[in-house]
Amino acid sequence: MQKKLISNIILLNDRRLATCSLDGTIKVFNSTNYDCAMSISGHKKYVNYIAQLDDGKIISCSSDQTMKIWRINKNTFKCEKTIDINRTNIIKIICLTNKRIAMCANDKTIKIRQGFYPYSLIATMYGHTEEGKSIIQVK
């Protein structure tokens, strides 16, 4: 049996922990007793990475070649938007300081999107000869 690894963990603005996993779920854990407060399913394959946008929403990327924007309340998640990434597997997402999202992909590109509705593609950067595994913002 194949193990389903946790692929990312983040600290949410409300101090809870959120994780994503190769089992296709996102989980939110209470920060006082560390119990799982909610489990979210919506992607059809592995959830590679999650990040929290400036407005508190969660963005997730998956091996199902979609990116989802989730509105998170105290005890509920709601998928606000699903974005088809056009046959590309996004490996990692980061939120930039200028209300934009940067994503590295297995198609050897870096994609920049708006960090707010409608999350439009702003630019695709080319130049790598291998697929991306990580991305950071340098200050």
N, C-alpha and C. Protein backbone atom coordinates (compact mmCIF):
# COMPACT_ATOMS: atom_id res chain seq x y z
N MET A 1 0.84 -1.17 0.00
CA MET A 1 0.00 0.00 0.00
C MET A 1 0.89 1.24 0.00
N GLN A 2 0.56 2.20 -0.85
CA GLN A 2 1.32 3.44 -0.97
C GLN A 2 0.96 4.39 0.16
N LYS A 3 1.95 4.99 0.80
CA LYS A 3 1.70 5.97 1.86
C LYS A 3 1.29 7.29 1.23
N LYS A 4 0.40 7.99 1.90
CA LYS A 4 -0.07 9.29 1.44
C LYS A 4 0.57 10.37 2.30
N LEU A 5 1.64 10.94 1.83
CA LEU A 5 2.44 11.90 2.57
C LEU A 5 1.76 13.25 2.71
N ILE A 6 2.09 13.95 3.79
CA ILE A 6 1.69 15.34 3.96
C ILE A 6 2.66 16.17 3.14
N SER A 7 2.15 16.96 2.22
CA SER A 7 3.02 17.69 1.30
C SER A 7 3.31 19.12 1.72
N ASN A 8 2.50 19.69 2.65
CA ASN A 8 2.72 21.08 3.06
C ASN A 8 1.97 21.34 4.34
N ILE A 9 2.50 22.25 5.15
CA ILE A 9 1.82 22.71 6.37
C ILE A 9 2.03 24.22 6.47
N ILE A 10 0.96 24.93 6.84
CA ILE A 10 1.06 26.39 6.99
C ILE A 10 0.37 26.82 8.28
N LEU A 11 0.78 27.96 8.80
CA LEU A 11 0.13 28.58 9.93
C LEU A 11 -0.84 29.61 9.37
N LEU A 12 -2.12 29.44 9.67
CA LEU A 12 -3.15 30.37 9.18
C LEU A 12 -3.14 31.66 10.01
N ASN A 13 -3.73 32.69 9.46
CA ASN A 13 -3.80 33.98 10.15
C ASN A 13 -4.47 33.86 11.52
N ASP A 14 -5.42 32.92 11.66
CA ASP A 14 -6.12 32.74 12.94
C ASP A 14 -5.38 31.80 13.89
N ARG A 15 -4.13 31.46 13.56
CA ARG A 15 -3.22 30.65 14.37
C ARG A 15 -3.50 29.15 14.29
N ARG A 16 -4.48 28.71 13.50
CA ARG A 16 -4.66 27.28 13.30
C ARG A 16 -3.64 26.79 12.28
N LEU A 17 -3.41 25.49 12.26
CA LEU A 17 -2.52 24.88 11.28
C LEU A 17 -3.35 24.27 10.17
N ALA A 18 -2.89 24.41 8.94
CA ALA A 18 -3.53 23.77 7.80
C ALA A 18 -2.49 22.91 7.09
N THR A 19 -2.91 21.74 6.66
CA THR A 19 -2.03 20.83 5.95
C THR A 19 -2.69 20.38 4.67
N CYS A 20 -1.87 19.95 3.73
CA CYS A 20 -2.41 19.30 2.54
C CYS A 20 -1.63 18.01 2.33
N SER A 21 -2.23 17.09 1.61
CA SER A 21 -1.66 15.76 1.56
C SER A 21 -1.84 15.12 0.19
N LEU A 22 -1.03 14.11 -0.02
CA LEU A 22 -1.15 13.32 -1.24
C LEU A 22 -2.38 12.42 -1.21
N ASP A 23 -3.16 12.47 -0.11
CA ASP A 23 -4.44 11.76 -0.08
C ASP A 23 -5.55 12.61 -0.69
N GLY A 24 -5.21 13.83 -1.17
CA GLY A 24 -6.16 14.70 -1.84
C GLY A 24 -6.96 15.61 -0.92
N THR A 25 -6.60 15.68 0.36
CA THR A 25 -7.36 16.50 1.30
C THR A 25 -6.54 17.67 1.83
N ILE A 26 -7.28 18.63 2.38
CA ILE A 26 -6.73 19.72 3.17
C ILE A 26 -7.35 19.57 4.54
N LYS A 27 -6.54 19.69 5.57
CA LYS A 27 -7.04 19.57 6.94
C LYS A 27 -6.64 20.81 7.73
N VAL A 28 -7.54 21.23 8.63
CA VAL A 28 -7.28 22.36 9.52
C VAL A 28 -7.30 21.84 10.94
N PHE A 29 -6.25 22.20 11.70
CA PHE A 29 -6.11 21.72 13.06
C PHE A 29 -6.23 22.87 14.04
N ASN A 30 -6.95 22.62 15.12
CA ASN A 30 -7.14 23.58 16.19
C ASN A 30 -5.79 23.91 16.83
N SER A 31 -5.55 25.16 17.16
CA SER A 31 -4.26 25.55 17.70
C SER A 31 -4.13 25.36 19.21
N THR A 32 -5.21 25.03 19.89
CA THR A 32 -5.12 24.82 21.33
C THR A 32 -4.93 23.35 21.69
N ASN A 33 -5.72 22.46 21.07
CA ASN A 33 -5.60 21.04 21.40
C ASN A 33 -5.09 20.20 20.23
N TYR A 34 -4.88 20.83 19.08
CA TYR A 34 -4.33 20.21 17.87
C TYR A 34 -5.21 19.10 17.30
N ASP A 35 -6.50 19.13 17.65
CA ASP A 35 -7.45 18.21 17.03
C ASP A 35 -7.76 18.70 15.62
N CYS A 36 -8.11 17.77 14.75
CA CYS A 36 -8.52 18.13 13.39
C CYS A 36 -9.90 18.77 13.46
N ALA A 37 -9.97 20.04 13.10
CA ALA A 37 -11.23 20.78 13.15
C ALA A 37 -12.07 20.56 11.90
N MET A 38 -11.41 20.33 10.76
CA MET A 38 -12.14 20.08 9.52
C MET A 38 -11.23 19.41 8.50
N SER A 39 -11.86 18.65 7.63
CA SER A 39 -11.17 17.99 6.53
C SER A 39 -11.90 18.35 5.25
N ILE A 40 -11.16 18.81 4.27
CA ILE A 40 -11.75 19.30 3.03
C ILE A 40 -11.31 18.43 1.87
N SER A 41 -12.29 17.95 1.13
CA SER A 41 -12.02 17.20 -0.10
C SER A 41 -12.60 17.98 -1.25
N GLY A 42 -11.90 18.02 -2.35
CA GLY A 42 -12.39 18.74 -3.51
C GLY A 42 -11.52 18.50 -4.72
N HIS A 43 -10.26 18.21 -4.48
CA HIS A 43 -9.36 17.87 -5.58
C HIS A 43 -9.50 16.39 -5.90
N LYS A 44 -9.25 16.03 -7.15
CA LYS A 44 -9.38 14.64 -7.59
C LYS A 44 -8.09 13.85 -7.43
N LYS A 45 -6.97 14.55 -7.21
CA LYS A 45 -5.67 13.90 -7.03
C LYS A 45 -4.93 14.57 -5.89
N TYR A 46 -3.63 14.34 -5.82
CA TYR A 46 -2.79 14.87 -4.76
C TYR A 46 -2.94 16.38 -4.63
N VAL A 47 -2.94 16.88 -3.40
CA VAL A 47 -2.84 18.32 -3.16
C VAL A 47 -1.37 18.59 -2.89
N ASN A 48 -0.74 19.31 -3.80
CA ASN A 48 0.71 19.54 -3.74
C ASN A 48 1.11 20.64 -2.75
N TYR A 49 0.29 21.69 -2.69
CA TYR A 49 0.70 22.84 -1.89
C TYR A 49 -0.50 23.71 -1.57
N ILE A 50 -0.42 24.41 -0.44
CA ILE A 50 -1.44 25.40 -0.07
C ILE A 50 -0.74 26.65 0.41
N ALA A 51 -1.43 27.77 0.29
CA ALA A 51 -0.94 29.05 0.80
C ALA A 51 -2.16 29.87 1.22
N GLN A 52 -1.94 30.88 2.04
CA GLN A 52 -3.05 31.74 2.44
C GLN A 52 -2.87 33.10 1.78
N LEU A 53 -3.92 33.56 1.12
CA LEU A 53 -3.91 34.86 0.45
C LEU A 53 -4.06 35.98 1.46
N ASP A 54 -3.78 37.20 1.04
CA ASP A 54 -3.89 38.36 1.91
C ASP A 54 -5.29 38.51 2.52
N ASP A 55 -6.32 38.11 1.76
CA ASP A 55 -7.70 38.25 2.25
C ASP A 55 -8.14 37.08 3.12
N GLY A 56 -7.22 36.17 3.45
CA GLY A 56 -7.53 35.04 4.33
C GLY A 56 -7.95 33.77 3.62
N LYS A 57 -8.23 33.86 2.33
CA LYS A 57 -8.62 32.67 1.59
C LYS A 57 -7.42 31.74 1.42
N ILE A 58 -7.70 30.47 1.23
CA ILE A 58 -6.67 29.47 1.01
C ILE A 58 -6.64 29.15 -0.48
N ILE A 59 -5.44 29.03 -1.02
CA ILE A 59 -5.27 28.61 -2.40
C ILE A 59 -4.57 27.26 -2.38
N SER A 60 -5.07 26.32 -3.17
CA SER A 60 -4.46 24.99 -3.23
C SER A 60 -4.18 24.63 -4.68
N CYS A 61 -3.12 23.85 -4.89
CA CYS A 61 -2.83 23.35 -6.22
C CYS A 61 -2.70 21.84 -6.13
N SER A 62 -3.07 21.18 -7.22
CA SER A 62 -3.18 19.74 -7.19
C SER A 62 -2.63 19.10 -8.45
N SER A 63 -2.33 17.82 -8.33
CA SER A 63 -1.93 17.02 -9.49
C SER A 63 -3.10 16.79 -10.45
N ASP A 64 -4.31 17.20 -10.07
CA ASP A 64 -5.44 17.11 -10.99
C ASP A 64 -5.46 18.29 -11.97
N GLN A 65 -4.37 19.09 -11.94
CA GLN A 65 -4.16 20.22 -12.84
C GLN A 65 -5.16 21.35 -12.62
N THR A 66 -5.57 21.50 -11.35
CA THR A 66 -6.42 22.62 -10.98
C THR A 66 -5.83 23.34 -9.79
N MET A 67 -6.27 24.56 -9.65
CA MET A 67 -5.97 25.38 -8.50
C MET A 67 -7.33 25.76 -7.93
N LYS A 68 -7.50 25.70 -6.63
CA LYS A 68 -8.78 26.04 -6.01
C LYS A 68 -8.58 27.16 -5.00
N ILE A 69 -9.56 28.04 -4.96
CA ILE A 69 -9.60 29.12 -3.98
C ILE A 69 -10.70 28.76 -2.99
N TRP A 70 -10.33 28.69 -1.71
CA TRP A 70 -11.24 28.28 -0.65
C TRP A 70 -11.49 29.44 0.30
N ARG A 71 -12.76 29.71 0.58
CA ARG A 71 -13.10 30.68 1.62
C ARG A 71 -13.19 29.89 2.92
N ILE A 72 -12.45 30.31 3.91
CA ILE A 72 -12.43 29.61 5.18
C ILE A 72 -13.10 30.45 6.24
N ASN A 73 -14.06 29.86 6.93
CA ASN A 73 -14.70 30.47 8.09
C ASN A 73 -14.26 29.69 9.31
N LYS A 74 -14.83 29.97 10.43
CA LYS A 74 -14.44 29.31 11.67
C LYS A 74 -14.45 27.78 11.52
N ASN A 75 -15.53 27.22 11.00
CA ASN A 75 -15.66 25.77 10.92
C ASN A 75 -16.02 25.25 9.54
N THR A 76 -15.92 26.08 8.51
CA THR A 76 -16.30 25.62 7.17
C THR A 76 -15.33 26.13 6.12
N PHE A 77 -15.22 25.36 5.07
CA PHE A 77 -14.49 25.74 3.88
C PHE A 77 -15.50 25.75 2.74
N LYS A 78 -15.38 26.67 1.84
CA LYS A 78 -16.22 26.65 0.64
C LYS A 78 -15.32 26.94 -0.55
N CYS A 79 -15.39 26.09 -1.58
CA CYS A 79 -14.61 26.33 -2.79
C CYS A 79 -15.26 27.47 -3.55
N GLU A 80 -14.55 28.57 -3.65
CA GLU A 80 -15.06 29.77 -4.30
C GLU A 80 -14.78 29.76 -5.80
N LYS A 81 -13.67 29.15 -6.20
CA LYS A 81 -13.32 29.15 -7.61
C LYS A 81 -12.36 27.99 -7.88
N THR A 82 -12.57 27.32 -9.01
CA THR A 82 -11.65 26.30 -9.50
C THR A 82 -11.06 26.82 -10.81
N ILE A 83 -9.74 26.78 -10.91
CA ILE A 83 -9.05 27.27 -12.09
C ILE A 83 -8.33 26.11 -12.74
N ASP A 84 -8.65 25.85 -14.00
CA ASP A 84 -7.97 24.81 -14.77
C ASP A 84 -6.61 25.36 -15.18
N ILE A 85 -5.55 24.63 -14.90
CA ILE A 85 -4.20 25.12 -15.17
C ILE A 85 -3.70 24.63 -16.54
N ASN A 86 -4.55 24.11 -17.36
CA ASN A 86 -4.21 23.76 -18.75
C ASN A 86 -3.07 22.76 -18.87
N ARG A 87 -3.33 21.55 -18.41
CA ARG A 87 -2.40 20.42 -18.56
C ARG A 87 -1.06 20.66 -17.89
N THR A 88 -1.07 21.44 -16.81
CA THR A 88 0.16 21.73 -16.07
C THR A 88 -0.05 21.36 -14.61
N ASN A 89 0.93 20.73 -14.03
CA ASN A 89 0.90 20.38 -12.62
C ASN A 89 1.65 21.45 -11.84
N ILE A 90 0.95 22.25 -11.03
CA ILE A 90 1.59 23.26 -10.20
C ILE A 90 2.17 22.56 -8.98
N ILE A 91 3.45 22.78 -8.71
CA ILE A 91 4.15 22.12 -7.62
C ILE A 91 4.10 22.95 -6.34
N LYS A 92 4.28 24.26 -6.46
CA LYS A 92 4.30 25.12 -5.28
C LYS A 92 3.73 26.49 -5.63
N ILE A 93 3.07 27.09 -4.64
CA ILE A 93 2.47 28.43 -4.78
C ILE A 93 3.02 29.30 -3.67
N ILE A 94 3.33 30.55 -3.98
CA ILE A 94 3.63 31.53 -2.93
C ILE A 94 2.84 32.81 -3.21
N CYS A 95 2.54 33.53 -2.15
CA CYS A 95 1.87 34.81 -2.29
C CYS A 95 2.92 35.90 -2.28
N LEU A 96 2.90 36.73 -3.29
CA LEU A 96 3.85 37.83 -3.40
C LEU A 96 3.29 39.05 -2.67
N THR A 97 4.14 40.02 -2.38
CA THR A 97 3.72 41.19 -1.62
C THR A 97 2.81 42.13 -2.41
N ASN A 98 2.77 42.00 -3.71
CA ASN A 98 1.98 42.92 -4.55
C ASN A 98 0.64 42.32 -4.96
N LYS A 99 0.04 41.50 -4.07
CA LYS A 99 -1.27 40.86 -4.33
C LYS A 99 -1.25 40.03 -5.59
N ARG A 100 -0.16 39.31 -5.75
CA ARG A 100 -0.02 38.38 -6.86
C ARG A 100 0.39 37.03 -6.32
N ILE A 101 0.22 36.02 -7.13
CA ILE A 101 0.56 34.65 -6.77
C ILE A 101 1.61 34.17 -7.77
N ALA A 102 2.66 33.54 -7.27
CA ALA A 102 3.68 32.94 -8.14
C ALA A 102 3.61 31.43 -7.96
N MET A 103 3.69 30.71 -9.07
CA MET A 103 3.58 29.25 -9.06
C MET A 103 4.67 28.65 -9.91
N CYS A 104 5.33 27.60 -9.40
CA CYS A 104 6.26 26.86 -10.26
C CYS A 104 5.57 25.59 -10.70
N ALA A 105 5.85 25.20 -11.94
CA ALA A 105 5.09 24.12 -12.57
C ALA A 105 6.01 23.07 -13.18
N ASN A 106 5.42 21.92 -13.46
CA ASN A 106 6.21 20.84 -14.06
C ASN A 106 6.43 21.04 -15.55
N ASP A 107 5.89 22.11 -16.12
CA ASP A 107 6.14 22.40 -17.54
C ASP A 107 7.33 23.34 -17.72
N LYS A 108 8.16 23.48 -16.66
CA LYS A 108 9.39 24.27 -16.67
C LYS A 108 9.12 25.78 -16.67
N THR A 109 7.94 26.19 -16.21
CA THR A 109 7.59 27.61 -16.19
C THR A 109 7.31 28.08 -14.78
N ILE A 110 7.32 29.40 -14.63
CA ILE A 110 6.83 30.10 -13.44
C ILE A 110 5.64 30.91 -13.94
N LYS A 111 4.51 30.77 -13.27
CA LYS A 111 3.31 31.49 -13.66
C LYS A 111 2.97 32.51 -12.58
N ILE A 112 2.59 33.71 -13.02
CA ILE A 112 2.19 34.78 -12.11
C ILE A 112 0.71 35.06 -12.36
N ARG A 113 -0.08 35.05 -11.27
CA ARG A 113 -1.52 35.33 -11.36
C ARG A 113 -1.88 36.43 -10.37
N GLN A 114 -3.03 37.07 -10.63
CA GLN A 114 -3.59 38.00 -9.66
C GLN A 114 -3.92 37.22 -8.39
N GLY A 115 -3.72 37.83 -7.23
CA GLY A 115 -4.06 37.19 -5.97
C GLY A 115 -5.45 37.56 -5.49
N PHE A 116 -6.30 37.93 -6.42
CA PHE A 116 -7.68 38.29 -6.11
C PHE A 116 -8.54 37.94 -7.32
N TYR A 117 -9.85 37.89 -7.11
CA TYR A 117 -10.77 37.52 -8.19
C TYR A 117 -10.58 38.44 -9.38
N PRO A 118 -10.49 37.92 -10.60
CA PRO A 118 -10.72 36.56 -11.07
C PRO A 118 -9.47 35.69 -11.15
N TYR A 119 -8.37 36.09 -10.46
CA TYR A 119 -7.13 35.30 -10.40
C TYR A 119 -6.54 35.08 -11.79
N SER A 120 -6.60 36.11 -12.60
CA SER A 120 -6.16 36.03 -14.00
C SER A 120 -4.66 35.80 -14.11
N LEU A 121 -4.28 35.10 -15.17
CA LEU A 121 -2.88 34.87 -15.48
C LEU A 121 -2.28 36.19 -15.97
N ILE A 122 -1.20 36.63 -15.34
CA ILE A 122 -0.53 37.88 -15.70
C ILE A 122 0.66 37.60 -16.61
N ALA A 123 1.44 36.58 -16.27
CA ALA A 123 2.65 36.30 -17.04
C ALA A 123 3.05 34.84 -16.86
N THR A 124 3.74 34.33 -17.87
CA THR A 124 4.39 33.02 -17.80
C THR A 124 5.86 33.25 -18.09
N MET A 125 6.70 32.81 -17.19
CA MET A 125 8.14 33.02 -17.32
C MET A 125 8.79 31.71 -17.77
N TYR A 126 9.64 31.80 -18.77
CA TYR A 126 10.31 30.64 -19.35
C TYR A 126 11.81 30.74 -19.11
N GLY A 127 12.52 29.64 -19.27
CA GLY A 127 13.96 29.68 -19.19
C GLY A 127 14.57 28.48 -18.50
N HIS A 128 13.80 27.80 -17.64
CA HIS A 128 14.34 26.61 -16.98
C HIS A 128 14.34 25.42 -17.93
N THR A 129 15.27 24.52 -17.73
CA THR A 129 15.34 23.33 -18.57
C THR A 129 14.77 22.10 -17.87
N GLU A 130 14.42 22.23 -16.58
CA GLU A 130 13.79 21.15 -15.82
C GLU A 130 12.59 21.72 -15.09
N GLU A 131 11.70 20.81 -14.64
CA GLU A 131 10.50 21.27 -13.93
C GLU A 131 10.87 21.89 -12.60
N GLY A 132 10.04 22.84 -12.16
CA GLY A 132 10.26 23.51 -10.89
C GLY A 132 9.86 22.65 -9.71
N LYS A 133 10.56 22.78 -8.62
CA LYS A 133 10.23 22.08 -7.38
C LYS A 133 9.89 23.04 -6.26
N SER A 134 10.40 24.27 -6.34
CA SER A 134 10.16 25.23 -5.27
C SER A 134 10.34 26.64 -5.80
N ILE A 135 9.82 27.58 -5.04
CA ILE A 135 9.92 28.99 -5.39
C ILE A 135 9.86 29.80 -4.09
N ILE A 136 10.65 30.88 -4.00
CA ILE A 136 10.61 31.76 -2.84
C ILE A 136 10.63 33.21 -3.33
N GLN A 137 10.18 34.09 -2.49
CA GLN A 137 10.28 35.51 -2.80
C GLN A 137 11.48 36.07 -2.07
N VAL A 138 12.34 36.77 -2.78
CA VAL A 138 13.52 37.38 -2.19
C VAL A 138 13.15 38.83 -1.85
N LYS A 139 13.43 39.23 -0.63
CA LYS A 139 13.07 40.59 -0.19
C LYS A 139 14.23 41.52 -0.27
